Amino acid sequence: MSVIYLLISISIAVAAVFLYIFIRAVKSGQFDDDYTPSVRMLFDDELKKNPSKSEKQN
């Protein structure tokens, strides 16, 4: 039975470490969207070919 308590305490400690690392990565901007700005330039031509209604009225 003591082995179960040991494994549970180790698993909680490992989970806490991973939670700390995850929160630290989120706060440092690790998961900011870097993909969309690089792809947006590929679709700029399509946006210019199809102007919105407000641009047509000008």
C-alpha atoms as a PDB file:
ATOM      1  CA  MET A   1       0.000   0.000   0.000  1.00  0.00           C
ATOM      2  CA  SER A   2       2.882   2.353   0.653  1.00  0.00           C
ATOM      3  CA  VAL A   3       3.981   1.940  -2.966  1.00  0.00           C
ATOM      4  CA  ILE A   4       0.668   3.385  -4.132  1.00  0.00           C
ATOM      5  CA  TYR A   5       1.138   6.439  -1.906  1.00  0.00           C
ATOM      6  CA  LEU A   6       4.645   6.867  -3.272  1.00  0.00           C
ATOM      7  CA  LEU A   7       3.477   6.615  -6.895  1.00  0.00           C
ATOM      8  CA  ILE A   8       0.604   9.033  -6.318  1.00  0.00           C
ATOM      9  CA  SER A   9       2.885  11.583  -4.696  1.00  0.00           C
ATOM     10  CA  ILE A  10       5.449  11.272  -7.502  1.00  0.00           C
ATOM     11  CA  SER A  11       2.754  11.642 -10.161  1.00  0.00           C
ATOM     12  CA  ILE A  12       1.349  14.740  -8.456  1.00  0.00           C
ATOM     13  CA  ALA A  13       4.838  16.237  -8.288  1.00  0.00           C
ATOM     14  CA  VAL A  14       5.454  15.543 -11.983  1.00  0.00           C
ATOM     15  CA  ALA A  15       2.051  17.016 -12.894  1.00  0.00           C
ATOM     16  CA  ALA A  16       2.843  20.139 -10.878  1.00  0.00           C
ATOM     17  CA  VAL A  17       6.174  20.542 -12.683  1.00  0.00           C
ATOM     18  CA  PHE A  18       4.482  20.220 -16.082  1.00  0.00           C
ATOM     19  CA  LEU A  19       1.797  22.715 -15.046  1.00  0.00           C
ATOM     20  CA  TYR A  20       4.470  25.204 -13.956  1.00  0.00           C
ATOM     21  CA  ILE A  21       6.349  24.769 -17.255  1.00  0.00           C
ATOM     22  CA  PHE A  22       3.132  25.212 -19.249  1.00  0.00           C
ATOM     23  CA  ILE A  23       2.115  28.385 -17.403  1.00  0.00           C
ATOM     24  CA  ARG A  24       5.616  29.795 -17.798  1.00  0.00           C
ATOM     25  CA  ALA A  25       5.557  29.078 -21.546  1.00  0.00           C
ATOM     26  CA  VAL A  26       2.170  30.752 -21.980  1.00  0.00           C
ATOM     27  CA  LYS A  27       3.262  33.867 -20.086  1.00  0.00           C
ATOM     28  CA  SER A  28       6.458  34.146 -22.119  1.00  0.00           C
ATOM     29  CA  GLY A  29       4.506  34.100 -25.398  1.00  0.00           C
ATOM     30  CA  GLN A  30       5.532  30.642 -26.541  1.00  0.00           C
ATOM     31  CA  PHE A  31       2.069  29.945 -27.936  1.00  0.00           C
ATOM     32  CA  ASP A  32       1.545  33.250 -29.717  1.00  0.00           C
ATOM     33  CA  ASP A  33       0.321  32.896 -33.269  1.00  0.00           C
ATOM     34  CA  ASP A  34       3.362  33.201 -35.488  1.00  0.00           C
ATOM     35  CA  TYR A  35       1.898  31.225 -38.384  1.00  0.00           C
ATOM     36  CA  THR A  36      -1.004  33.443 -39.415  1.00  0.00           C
ATOM     37  CA  PRO A  37       0.988  36.609 -40.263  1.00  0.00           C
ATOM     38  CA  SER A  38       3.246  34.653 -42.600  1.00  0.00           C
ATOM     39  CA  VAL A  39       0.272  33.100 -44.388  1.00  0.00           C
ATOM     40  CA  ARG A  40      -1.745  36.318 -44.500  1.00  0.00           C
ATOM     41  CA  MET A  41       0.551  37.785 -47.135  1.00  0.00           C
ATOM     42  CA  LEU A  42      -0.324  34.902 -49.444  1.00  0.00           C
ATOM     43  CA  PHE A  43      -3.984  35.905 -49.378  1.00  0.00           C
ATOM     44  CA  ASP A  44      -3.505  39.685 -49.705  1.00  0.00           C
ATOM     45  CA  ASP A  45      -3.966  39.539 -53.477  1.00  0.00           C
ATOM     46  CA  GLU A  46      -7.324  37.824 -53.113  1.00  0.00           C
ATOM     47  CA  LEU A  47      -8.461  40.486 -50.661  1.00  0.00           C
ATOM     48  CA  LYS A  48      -7.448  43.272 -53.042  1.00  0.00           C
ATOM     49  CA  LYS A  49      -9.223  41.616 -56.010  1.00  0.00           C
ATOM     50  CA  ASN A  50     -12.470  41.389 -54.059  1.00  0.00           C
ATOM     51  CA  PRO A  51     -12.893  44.754 -52.325  1.00  0.00           C
ATOM     52  CA  SER A  52     -15.553  45.018 -49.675  1.00  0.00           C
ATOM     53  CA  LYS A  53     -18.813  46.887 -50.169  1.00  0.00           C
ATOM     54  CA  SER A  54     -17.580  49.927 -48.268  1.00  0.00           C
ATOM     55  CA  GLU A  55     -14.616  50.282 -50.631  1.00  0.00           C
ATOM     56  CA  LYS A  56     -16.874  50.011 -53.696  1.00  0.00           C
ATOM     57  CA  GLN A  57     -18.976  52.946 -52.510  1.00  0.00           C
ATOM     58  CA  ASN A  58     -15.957  55.293 -52.354  1.00  0.00           C
END
